[in-house]
Amino acid sequence: MQITLNHSVPSAVDPTPHVLEVAAMFGLGIDQKRSIQLIPETSLNLSPSRLIFVTGASGSGKSTVLQLIHEQLKHEELTHALNFNSMPAIEDRPLVDVFPKRPLSDVLRLLSLAGLNDAFVMLRKPSQLSDGQRYRLRLAQAMAMTEAKVRSDQLSIILADEFCSTLDRTTAKAIARNVRRWVTRSGACFVAATTHDDLLEALSPDTLIEKHLGESLDLIEK
């Protein structure tokens, strides 16, 4: 499916004495109201087994890109969208029991994909995990929920803001490679956003979005 991203916000400068003084020093005019284009009009392809990587400096608008995608998907019946950062809470039980409707072999596979395949870790509860481990557990949860979707005619899309940003870089790259392989096999569409462009090779994205500070955005298709 094809969606179009486009976002601008109104902005006004309060003409305080200091603002007016600085404006006069540099010969600038003060607009009482103007529109700032945060995301220029951009056409984005969401399709099965597609991985989209959104990167750029902090504050450049990566999260806004994901929010725009999510807003549009809310009204699409033929999509099954998961926002990685707002999924249901996981019960505080040993990790091998957190997906009770799945066979143990599936649970072990999902935990392994998320880098939680250490036997001691798998017997811990979410409350006993580090922040990085809890992040990886949410990744396993997102993959489990995607694989368990009810309707086969829906395109599954996972939106993962701050993807692997809390992990050490070696672990992050290993997880990114696992996600790339899982996306290819599962047929899901995965949108990952992070400032860490060192994941580019491991993710091998089909679409790269580089969001620069200001209005500029580059979209590169494989």
Protein backbone atom coordinates (compact mmCIF):
# COMPACT_ATOMS: atom_id res chain seq x y z
CA MET A 1 0.00 0.00 0.00
CA GLN A 2 1.07 3.56 -0.68
CA ILE A 3 0.70 6.36 1.87
CA THR A 4 1.65 10.05 1.73
CA LEU A 5 3.41 11.80 4.58
CA ASN A 6 3.02 15.54 5.01
CA HIS A 7 3.09 17.61 8.20
CA SER A 8 3.37 21.29 9.03
CA VAL A 9 2.68 23.24 12.21
CA PRO A 10 1.75 26.89 12.81
CA SER A 11 4.29 29.01 14.59
CA ALA A 12 4.17 32.51 16.00
CA VAL A 13 6.89 34.69 17.43
CA ASP A 14 5.95 36.66 20.52
CA PRO A 15 7.26 40.19 19.84
CA THR A 16 8.79 40.81 23.28
CA PRO A 17 11.18 43.77 23.69
CA HIS A 18 14.22 41.49 23.48
CA VAL A 19 12.87 39.73 20.38
CA LEU A 20 12.25 43.07 18.66
CA GLU A 21 15.69 44.35 19.65
CA VAL A 22 17.51 41.29 18.25
CA ALA A 23 15.37 41.38 15.10
CA ALA A 24 16.29 45.03 14.57
CA MET A 25 19.99 44.27 15.12
CA PHE A 26 20.00 41.74 12.29
CA GLY A 27 17.44 43.44 10.08
CA LEU A 28 14.87 40.68 10.51
CA GLY A 29 11.14 41.05 10.26
CA ILE A 30 8.83 39.41 12.78
CA ASP A 31 6.00 37.33 11.36
CA GLN A 32 3.12 37.13 13.75
CA LYS A 33 2.07 33.78 12.32
CA ARG A 34 3.65 31.38 9.87
CA SER A 35 3.68 27.69 8.99
CA ILE A 36 6.68 25.43 9.51
CA GLN A 37 6.94 22.36 7.27
CA LEU A 38 8.28 19.56 9.46
CA ILE A 39 7.74 16.67 7.02
CA PRO A 40 7.62 17.50 3.30
CA GLU A 41 5.13 15.64 1.12
CA THR A 42 6.60 12.16 0.75
CA SER A 43 5.16 9.00 -0.79
CA LEU A 44 5.97 5.82 1.17
CA ASN A 45 5.47 2.22 0.14
CA LEU A 46 4.36 -0.21 2.87
CA SER A 47 4.40 -3.79 1.63
CA PRO A 48 5.04 -7.36 2.87
CA SER A 49 8.60 -8.26 3.93
CA ARG A 50 9.63 -4.60 3.66
CA LEU A 51 11.96 -2.98 6.17
CA ILE A 52 11.99 0.81 6.42
CA PHE A 53 14.77 2.54 8.35
CA VAL A 54 14.24 6.13 9.52
CA THR A 55 17.39 7.83 10.79
CA GLY A 56 18.60 11.34 11.53
CA ALA A 57 19.76 13.63 14.29
CA SER A 58 17.90 13.91 17.57
CA GLY A 59 14.98 16.32 17.19
CA SER A 60 14.92 16.09 13.38
CA GLY A 61 11.42 14.57 13.24
CA LYS A 62 11.90 10.79 13.12
CA SER A 63 9.18 10.19 15.72
CA THR A 64 6.85 12.46 13.77
CA VAL A 65 7.34 10.28 10.69
CA LEU A 66 6.26 7.20 12.67
CA GLN A 67 3.31 9.06 14.18
CA LEU A 68 2.10 10.10 10.72
CA ILE A 69 2.33 6.51 9.50
CA HIS A 70 0.43 5.25 12.54
CA GLU A 71 -2.30 7.87 12.15
CA GLN A 72 -2.95 6.84 8.56
CA LEU A 73 -2.97 3.12 9.39
CA LYS A 74 -5.68 3.57 12.03
CA HIS A 75 -8.23 3.91 9.24
CA GLU A 76 -6.99 1.03 7.07
CA GLU A 77 -8.93 -2.20 7.59
CA LEU A 78 -6.40 -4.24 5.64
CA THR A 79 -3.52 -3.42 7.96
CA HIS A 80 -2.62 -4.84 11.37
CA ALA A 81 -0.43 -2.14 12.96
CA LEU A 82 1.53 -2.40 16.20
CA ASN A 83 3.14 0.61 17.82
CA PHE A 84 6.16 -0.95 19.52
CA ASN A 85 6.14 1.60 22.34
CA SER A 86 2.48 1.23 23.34
CA MET A 87 1.80 -2.49 23.45
CA PRO A 88 -0.13 -4.35 26.19
CA ALA A 89 1.69 -5.03 29.45
CA ILE A 90 3.30 -8.45 29.76
CA GLU A 91 2.42 -10.56 32.80
CA ASP A 92 5.20 -10.89 35.37
CA ARG A 93 5.96 -14.57 34.92
CA PRO A 94 9.06 -16.46 33.70
CA LEU A 95 9.86 -15.49 30.10
CA VAL A 96 9.21 -19.03 28.88
CA ASP A 97 5.61 -18.58 30.05
CA VAL A 98 4.88 -15.05 28.79
CA PHE A 99 3.29 -16.32 25.55
CA PRO A 100 1.06 -19.08 27.02
CA LYS A 101 -0.87 -19.79 23.81
CA ARG A 102 2.26 -20.71 21.86
CA PRO A 103 4.25 -23.98 22.03
CA LEU A 104 7.55 -23.85 23.88
CA SER A 105 9.53 -24.21 20.64
CA ASP A 106 7.90 -21.01 19.32
CA VAL A 107 8.54 -19.16 22.57
CA LEU A 108 12.23 -20.15 22.53
CA ARG A 109 12.51 -19.08 18.88
CA LEU A 110 11.01 -15.65 19.56
CA LEU A 111 13.15 -15.07 22.66
CA SER A 112 16.22 -16.10 20.69
CA LEU A 113 15.39 -13.65 17.89
CA ALA A 114 15.23 -10.91 20.52
CA GLY A 115 18.58 -11.95 22.03
CA LEU A 116 17.07 -13.47 25.17
CA ASN A 117 18.23 -17.04 24.63
CA ASP A 118 20.34 -17.36 27.79
CA ALA A 119 18.80 -20.07 30.00
CA PHE A 120 19.11 -17.99 33.17
CA VAL A 121 17.42 -15.01 31.49
CA MET A 122 14.58 -17.13 30.09
CA LEU A 123 13.68 -18.27 33.61
CA ARG A 124 13.48 -14.71 34.95
CA LYS A 125 10.39 -12.51 35.10
CA PRO A 126 10.08 -9.17 33.26
CA SER A 127 10.42 -7.30 36.59
CA GLN A 128 13.83 -8.93 37.06
CA LEU A 129 15.20 -7.83 33.69
CA SER A 130 17.38 -4.85 32.84
CA ASP A 131 15.99 -2.01 30.70
CA GLY A 132 17.74 -3.41 27.64
CA GLN A 133 16.35 -6.89 28.25
CA ARG A 134 12.83 -5.53 28.74
CA TYR A 135 13.19 -3.69 25.43
CA ARG A 136 14.12 -6.95 23.72
CA LEU A 137 11.17 -8.68 25.38
CA ARG A 138 8.83 -6.09 23.82
CA LEU A 139 10.41 -6.90 20.47
CA ALA A 140 9.66 -10.61 21.00
CA GLN A 141 6.11 -9.65 22.02
CA ALA A 142 5.63 -7.58 18.85
CA MET A 143 6.79 -10.46 16.67
CA ALA A 144 4.55 -12.91 18.56
CA MET A 145 1.49 -10.65 18.18
CA THR A 146 2.23 -10.16 14.49
CA GLU A 147 2.52 -13.88 13.83
CA ALA A 148 -0.73 -14.50 15.75
CA LYS A 149 -2.85 -11.98 13.83
CA VAL A 150 -6.38 -13.20 13.13
CA ARG A 151 -6.85 -12.08 9.52
CA SER A 152 -4.48 -13.43 6.88
CA ASP A 153 -5.48 -10.74 4.38
CA GLN A 154 -4.08 -7.94 6.56
CA LEU A 155 -0.63 -6.43 6.12
CA SER A 156 1.15 -6.53 9.49
CA ILE A 157 3.20 -3.42 10.28
CA ILE A 158 5.41 -2.87 13.33
CA LEU A 159 6.47 0.69 14.21
CA ALA A 160 9.58 0.73 16.41
CA ASP A 161 10.71 4.17 17.55
CA GLU A 162 14.16 4.45 19.21
CA PHE A 163 14.95 1.01 17.77
CA CYS A 164 17.69 -0.68 19.84
CA SER A 165 18.83 2.72 21.14
CA THR A 166 19.23 1.46 24.72
CA LEU A 167 21.41 -1.52 23.74
CA ASP A 168 25.16 -1.75 23.39
CA ARG A 169 26.10 -1.48 19.74
CA THR A 170 27.28 -5.09 19.30
CA THR A 171 24.00 -6.44 20.68
CA ALA A 172 22.01 -3.88 18.68
CA LYS A 173 23.59 -5.02 15.41
CA ALA A 174 22.92 -8.69 16.23
CA ILE A 175 19.25 -7.93 16.98
CA ALA A 176 18.99 -5.82 13.81
CA ARG A 177 20.23 -8.76 11.70
CA ASN A 178 17.68 -11.05 13.38
CA VAL A 179 14.89 -8.56 12.67
CA ARG A 180 15.92 -8.33 9.01
CA ARG A 181 15.72 -12.13 8.64
CA TRP A 182 12.41 -12.29 10.53
CA VAL A 183 10.84 -9.59 8.34
CA THR A 184 11.84 -11.46 5.20
CA ARG A 185 10.39 -14.75 6.46
CA SER A 186 7.27 -13.46 8.19
CA GLY A 187 5.99 -11.15 5.47
CA ALA A 188 5.57 -8.31 7.98
CA CYS A 189 6.49 -4.69 7.28
CA PHE A 190 8.85 -3.22 9.90
CA VAL A 191 9.53 0.50 10.37
CA ALA A 192 12.52 1.22 12.62
CA ALA A 193 13.59 4.72 13.70
CA THR A 194 16.78 5.66 15.55
CA THR A 195 19.63 8.14 15.52
CA HIS A 196 22.10 5.23 15.29
CA ASP A 197 22.99 4.92 11.60
CA ASP A 198 25.47 2.15 12.49
CA LEU A 199 22.54 -0.28 12.08
CA LEU A 200 22.21 0.44 8.37
CA GLU A 201 24.24 -2.55 7.19
CA ALA A 202 22.67 -5.00 9.67
CA LEU A 203 19.10 -3.93 8.86
CA SER A 204 19.74 -3.78 5.10
CA PRO A 205 16.55 -1.69 4.65
CA ASP A 206 14.44 -1.72 1.53
CA THR A 207 13.70 1.96 2.15
CA LEU A 208 16.01 4.42 3.89
CA ILE A 209 14.57 7.72 5.15
CA GLU A 210 17.15 10.27 6.26
CA LYS A 211 15.40 13.06 8.17
CA HIS A 212 17.53 16.16 8.45
CA LEU A 213 17.04 19.08 10.81
CA GLY A 214 14.49 21.48 9.35
CA GLU A 215 12.31 20.58 6.38
CA SER A 216 14.71 18.34 4.44
CA LEU A 217 14.04 14.61 4.03
CA ASP A 218 15.77 12.10 1.73
CA LEU A 219 14.05 8.83 0.76
CA ILE A 220 16.18 6.14 -0.86
CA GLU A 221 14.63 2.97 -2.28
CA LYS A 222 16.65 -0.21 -2.69
